[in-house]
Structure formats: C-alpha cells, structure tokens
Amino acid sequence: MKLEFNMVTEFGEFLADGHLGNQFRNLCIESVWGRVESVTFDFTGVTNLTDSFVHATFGNMAEEHGDEFVAKVKFKGCSPLVRSFLSIAVGEGLRKHRAMHRGC
C-alpha cells in the first residue's frame, strides 16, 4: 500500500501546531506504518510552517524508524523554506535514532 498526503488539504497553507502534527503522525501514519511500502507528503501550496510542527511530525518519525524512514518517506512540492525545515528535523531525528542504536 502507498499513502500520499496533501499537506495543504490536511492543514492549510501554514503548518503551525506541533500538537496537531503529532496527532496526525500517530493516527494517520504510525497506525499503518507496518503495512505501507511508501508514504509521500506533498507540500505544494504550503507557504509557511513551524519547527514544532516539523519536529513533532517528521523529526519524531525519523527518530523512531531510522533508515526505514529514509526508505519509505518521500517529500514533494517543497519550497526552499519547507525543504530547510524538513532537512533540519529529519537530520536531527536520524542522528538521535543512530545514537540510540549505536552498537546494537
């Protein structure tokens, strides 16, 4: 199964609320994570976002799943602003994941 989420449809043009991002991650993604081969997030039309939203949604997912996150998750329609926020959050999540699993 492949999932795709249009982030403007889900949240509007400004993705600001980390609590909503965390809820979305838990209810819509984590609940089916083991059954999906890929998840695409389309950011077309997103004009702004906050680090709390991006970290709650994507940073935590990267921290939880590590290399599996890299293999399954795709981003599209990203403006330079969105790309920079995602890069920071995902990079930090992956760094935490690798630190937790070092030596295992």
N, C-alpha and C. Protein backbone atom coordinates (compact mmCIF):
# COMPACT_ATOMS: atom_id res chain seq x y z
N MET A 1 0.84 -1.16 0.00
CA MET A 1 0.00 0.00 0.00
C MET A 1 0.90 1.24 0.00
N LYS A 2 0.50 2.24 -0.78
CA LYS A 2 1.19 3.51 -0.83
C LYS A 2 0.24 4.60 -0.34
N LEU A 3 0.74 5.49 0.50
CA LEU A 3 -0.06 6.60 1.00
C LEU A 3 0.50 7.90 0.44
N GLU A 4 -0.39 8.85 0.22
CA GLU A 4 0.05 10.20 -0.13
C GLU A 4 -0.86 11.20 0.58
N PHE A 5 -0.23 12.18 1.21
CA PHE A 5 -0.96 13.21 1.93
C PHE A 5 -0.66 14.56 1.30
N ASN A 6 -1.71 15.31 0.98
CA ASN A 6 -1.57 16.68 0.53
C ASN A 6 -1.64 17.54 1.79
N MET A 7 -0.53 18.15 2.14
CA MET A 7 -0.44 18.84 3.42
C MET A 7 -1.33 20.08 3.48
N VAL A 8 -1.56 20.75 2.36
CA VAL A 8 -2.47 21.90 2.36
C VAL A 8 -3.89 21.44 2.65
N THR A 9 -4.29 20.34 2.06
CA THR A 9 -5.62 19.79 2.32
C THR A 9 -5.77 19.39 3.79
N GLU A 10 -4.74 18.80 4.35
CA GLU A 10 -4.78 18.33 5.73
C GLU A 10 -4.74 19.48 6.75
N PHE A 11 -3.92 20.53 6.47
CA PHE A 11 -3.63 21.54 7.50
C PHE A 11 -3.75 22.99 7.05
N GLY A 12 -3.92 23.25 5.76
CA GLY A 12 -3.91 24.62 5.27
C GLY A 12 -2.52 25.04 4.84
N GLU A 13 -2.36 26.32 4.52
CA GLU A 13 -1.09 26.81 3.98
C GLU A 13 -0.02 27.00 5.05
N PHE A 14 -0.41 27.13 6.32
CA PHE A 14 0.54 27.37 7.40
C PHE A 14 0.46 26.21 8.38
N LEU A 15 1.50 25.39 8.44
CA LEU A 15 1.56 24.23 9.32
C LEU A 15 2.25 24.66 10.61
N ALA A 16 1.45 24.95 11.64
CA ALA A 16 1.99 25.61 12.82
C ALA A 16 1.88 24.83 14.12
N ASP A 17 0.92 23.97 14.25
CA ASP A 17 0.60 23.37 15.54
C ASP A 17 1.29 22.02 15.71
N GLY A 18 2.31 21.98 16.55
CA GLY A 18 3.03 20.73 16.79
C GLY A 18 2.14 19.64 17.36
N HIS A 19 1.17 20.01 18.19
CA HIS A 19 0.24 19.01 18.74
C HIS A 19 -0.55 18.35 17.62
N LEU A 20 -1.04 19.14 16.66
CA LEU A 20 -1.76 18.57 15.51
C LEU A 20 -0.85 17.71 14.66
N GLY A 21 0.39 18.14 14.48
CA GLY A 21 1.35 17.33 13.71
C GLY A 21 1.61 15.99 14.36
N ASN A 22 1.75 16.00 15.68
CA ASN A 22 1.98 14.76 16.42
C ASN A 22 0.76 13.85 16.34
N GLN A 23 -0.42 14.44 16.47
CA GLN A 23 -1.67 13.66 16.37
C GLN A 23 -1.81 13.05 14.98
N PHE A 24 -1.53 13.82 13.94
CA PHE A 24 -1.57 13.34 12.56
C PHE A 24 -0.61 12.17 12.38
N ARG A 25 0.61 12.33 12.89
CA ARG A 25 1.62 11.26 12.76
C ARG A 25 1.11 9.98 13.43
N ASN A 26 0.61 10.09 14.64
CA ASN A 26 0.15 8.90 15.36
C ASN A 26 -1.06 8.24 14.72
N LEU A 27 -2.06 9.04 14.37
CA LEU A 27 -3.32 8.48 13.87
C LEU A 27 -3.27 8.05 12.40
N CYS A 28 -2.59 8.83 11.58
CA CYS A 28 -2.64 8.58 10.14
C CYS A 28 -1.44 7.83 9.58
N ILE A 29 -0.32 7.86 10.29
CA ILE A 29 0.89 7.24 9.73
C ILE A 29 1.37 6.08 10.59
N GLU A 30 1.65 6.34 11.86
CA GLU A 30 2.17 5.27 12.72
C GLU A 30 1.20 4.09 12.81
N SER A 31 -0.09 4.38 12.76
CA SER A 31 -1.09 3.32 12.89
C SER A 31 -1.06 2.33 11.73
N VAL A 32 -0.51 2.72 10.59
CA VAL A 32 -0.44 1.84 9.42
C VAL A 32 0.98 1.62 8.92
N TRP A 33 1.97 2.12 9.64
CA TRP A 33 3.37 2.11 9.20
C TRP A 33 3.83 0.74 8.70
N GLY A 34 3.54 -0.30 9.41
CA GLY A 34 3.99 -1.64 9.05
C GLY A 34 3.34 -2.20 7.81
N ARG A 35 2.26 -1.60 7.36
CA ARG A 35 1.53 -2.12 6.19
C ARG A 35 1.76 -1.29 4.93
N VAL A 36 2.52 -0.22 5.01
CA VAL A 36 2.72 0.63 3.83
C VAL A 36 4.13 0.46 3.29
N GLU A 37 4.24 0.55 1.96
CA GLU A 37 5.57 0.49 1.37
C GLU A 37 6.16 1.87 1.19
N SER A 38 5.30 2.89 1.08
CA SER A 38 5.80 4.26 0.98
C SER A 38 4.74 5.25 1.44
N VAL A 39 5.24 6.40 1.91
CA VAL A 39 4.37 7.49 2.32
C VAL A 39 4.94 8.76 1.69
N THR A 40 4.12 9.44 0.90
CA THR A 40 4.53 10.68 0.25
C THR A 40 3.77 11.84 0.87
N PHE A 41 4.52 12.89 1.16
CA PHE A 41 3.94 14.12 1.71
C PHE A 41 4.13 15.21 0.67
N ASP A 42 3.02 15.73 0.16
CA ASP A 42 3.04 16.77 -0.86
C ASP A 42 2.85 18.12 -0.19
N PHE A 43 3.87 18.96 -0.27
CA PHE A 43 3.85 20.28 0.37
C PHE A 43 3.49 21.40 -0.62
N THR A 44 3.01 21.05 -1.79
CA THR A 44 2.61 22.06 -2.76
C THR A 44 1.60 23.01 -2.13
N GLY A 45 1.88 24.30 -2.17
CA GLY A 45 0.97 25.30 -1.63
C GLY A 45 1.21 25.66 -0.18
N VAL A 46 2.08 24.92 0.52
CA VAL A 46 2.41 25.28 1.90
C VAL A 46 3.32 26.51 1.85
N THR A 47 2.89 27.58 2.50
CA THR A 47 3.65 28.83 2.45
C THR A 47 4.52 29.05 3.67
N ASN A 48 4.18 28.39 4.78
CA ASN A 48 4.97 28.58 5.99
C ASN A 48 4.71 27.40 6.93
N LEU A 49 5.63 27.19 7.86
CA LEU A 49 5.48 26.13 8.85
C LEU A 49 6.37 26.47 10.03
N THR A 50 6.17 25.76 11.11
CA THR A 50 6.98 25.99 12.30
C THR A 50 7.84 24.77 12.59
N ASP A 51 8.93 25.03 13.31
CA ASP A 51 9.78 23.91 13.67
C ASP A 51 9.07 22.93 14.59
N SER A 52 8.13 23.42 15.42
CA SER A 52 7.41 22.50 16.30
C SER A 52 6.56 21.51 15.50
N PHE A 53 5.92 21.98 14.44
CA PHE A 53 5.13 21.07 13.59
C PHE A 53 6.04 20.05 12.91
N VAL A 54 7.12 20.52 12.32
CA VAL A 54 8.01 19.64 11.54
C VAL A 54 8.70 18.63 12.45
N HIS A 55 9.16 19.06 13.62
CA HIS A 55 9.82 18.12 14.53
C HIS A 55 8.83 17.11 15.09
N ALA A 56 7.63 17.56 15.47
CA ALA A 56 6.62 16.65 16.02
C ALA A 56 6.21 15.60 15.01
N THR A 57 6.12 16.00 13.75
CA THR A 57 5.65 15.09 12.73
C THR A 57 6.79 14.27 12.14
N PHE A 58 7.76 14.92 11.55
CA PHE A 58 8.79 14.22 10.77
C PHE A 58 10.06 13.91 11.55
N GLY A 59 10.45 14.80 12.44
CA GLY A 59 11.63 14.52 13.27
C GLY A 59 11.41 13.31 14.15
N ASN A 60 10.25 13.25 14.79
CA ASN A 60 9.93 12.10 15.65
C ASN A 60 9.80 10.81 14.85
N MET A 61 9.25 10.91 13.65
CA MET A 61 9.12 9.72 12.81
C MET A 61 10.50 9.21 12.39
N ALA A 62 11.38 10.13 12.03
CA ALA A 62 12.75 9.74 11.65
C ALA A 62 13.49 9.13 12.84
N GLU A 63 13.28 9.71 14.02
CA GLU A 63 13.92 9.17 15.23
C GLU A 63 13.42 7.77 15.54
N GLU A 64 12.14 7.55 15.36
CA GLU A 64 11.54 6.25 15.66
C GLU A 64 11.98 5.17 14.66
N HIS A 65 12.03 5.51 13.38
CA HIS A 65 12.20 4.48 12.34
C HIS A 65 13.55 4.47 11.64
N GLY A 66 14.36 5.49 11.79
CA GLY A 66 15.70 5.50 11.23
C GLY A 66 15.75 5.26 9.73
N ASP A 67 16.55 4.29 9.33
CA ASP A 67 16.76 4.02 7.90
C ASP A 67 15.47 3.59 7.20
N GLU A 68 14.56 2.98 7.92
CA GLU A 68 13.27 2.62 7.33
C GLU A 68 12.50 3.88 6.94
N PHE A 69 12.62 4.95 7.74
CA PHE A 69 12.03 6.23 7.39
C PHE A 69 12.60 6.73 6.07
N VAL A 70 13.91 6.68 5.95
CA VAL A 70 14.58 7.15 4.72
C VAL A 70 14.09 6.35 3.51
N ALA A 71 13.88 5.06 3.68
CA ALA A 71 13.45 4.21 2.58
C ALA A 71 11.98 4.42 2.21
N LYS A 72 11.13 4.72 3.17
CA LYS A 72 9.68 4.78 2.92
C LYS A 72 9.13 6.16 2.62
N VAL A 73 9.73 7.20 3.20
CA VAL A 73 9.12 8.53 3.16
C VAL A 73 9.67 9.36 2.01
N LYS A 74 8.75 10.00 1.29
CA LYS A 74 9.10 10.89 0.18
C LYS A 74 8.44 12.23 0.43
N PHE A 75 9.12 13.28 0.02
CA PHE A 75 8.58 14.63 0.10
C PHE A 75 8.53 15.20 -1.31
N LYS A 76 7.47 15.94 -1.62
CA LYS A 76 7.41 16.60 -2.92
C LYS A 76 6.74 17.97 -2.77
N GLY A 77 6.95 18.81 -3.78
CA GLY A 77 6.35 20.13 -3.78
C GLY A 77 6.90 21.05 -2.71
N CYS A 78 8.14 20.83 -2.30
CA CYS A 78 8.73 21.59 -1.20
C CYS A 78 9.37 22.88 -1.69
N SER A 79 8.97 23.99 -1.09
CA SER A 79 9.66 25.26 -1.32
C SER A 79 11.01 25.19 -0.61
N PRO A 80 11.93 26.11 -0.90
CA PRO A 80 13.20 26.12 -0.17
C PRO A 80 13.01 26.22 1.35
N LEU A 81 12.03 27.00 1.81
CA LEU A 81 11.76 27.11 3.24
C LEU A 81 11.35 25.77 3.83
N VAL A 82 10.39 25.12 3.19
CA VAL A 82 9.92 23.81 3.66
C VAL A 82 11.08 22.82 3.65
N ARG A 83 11.84 22.80 2.59
CA ARG A 83 12.97 21.87 2.46
C ARG A 83 13.96 22.06 3.60
N SER A 84 14.25 23.32 3.95
CA SER A 84 15.23 23.55 5.02
C SER A 84 14.70 23.09 6.37
N PHE A 85 13.43 23.35 6.66
CA PHE A 85 12.84 22.88 7.92
C PHE A 85 12.85 21.35 7.98
N LEU A 86 12.45 20.71 6.90
CA LEU A 86 12.44 19.24 6.87
C LEU A 86 13.84 18.66 7.04
N SER A 87 14.80 19.25 6.36
CA SER A 87 16.18 18.77 6.43
C SER A 87 16.71 18.80 7.86
N ILE A 88 16.44 19.87 8.56
CA ILE A 88 16.91 20.00 9.95
C ILE A 88 16.22 18.99 10.85
N ALA A 89 14.89 18.90 10.77
CA ALA A 89 14.14 18.00 11.65
C ALA A 89 14.46 16.54 11.39
N VAL A 90 14.49 16.16 10.12
CA VAL A 90 14.78 14.76 9.78
C VAL A 90 16.22 14.41 10.13
N GLY A 91 17.14 15.32 9.85
CA GLY A 91 18.54 15.07 10.20
C GLY A 91 18.73 14.87 11.68
N GLU A 92 18.08 15.70 12.48
CA GLU A 92 18.18 15.55 13.94
C GLU A 92 17.55 14.24 14.40
N GLY A 93 16.38 13.89 13.84
CA GLY A 93 15.73 12.63 14.20
C GLY A 93 16.59 11.43 13.86
N LEU A 94 17.21 11.44 12.69
CA LEU A 94 18.08 10.33 12.29
C LEU A 94 19.32 10.25 13.18
N ARG A 95 19.87 11.41 13.53
CA ARG A 95 21.04 11.43 14.42
C ARG A 95 20.68 10.81 15.77
N LYS A 96 19.52 11.16 16.32
CA LYS A 96 19.08 10.59 17.60
C LYS A 96 18.86 9.09 17.48
N HIS A 97 18.24 8.67 16.38
CA HIS A 97 18.00 7.24 16.17
C HIS A 97 19.32 6.46 16.15
N ARG A 98 20.26 6.98 15.41
CA ARG A 98 21.56 6.28 15.29
C ARG A 98 22.31 6.27 16.61
N ALA A 99 22.20 7.35 17.37
CA ALA A 99 22.86 7.40 18.69
C ALA A 99 22.25 6.37 19.63
N MET A 100 20.93 6.22 19.58
CA MET A 100 20.25 5.25 20.46
C MET A 100 20.59 3.81 20.09
N HIS A 101 20.84 3.57 18.80
CA HIS A 101 21.05 2.20 18.35
C HIS A 101 22.51 1.88 18.04
N ARG A 102 23.39 2.75 18.43
CA ARG A 102 24.82 2.53 18.22
C ARG A 102 25.26 1.30 18.99
N GLY A 103 25.95 0.42 18.33
CA GLY A 103 26.47 -0.75 18.99
C GLY A 103 25.49 -1.91 19.11
N CYS A 104 24.31 -1.75 18.56
CA CYS A 104 23.31 -2.85 18.65
C CYS A 104 23.48 -3.81 17.51
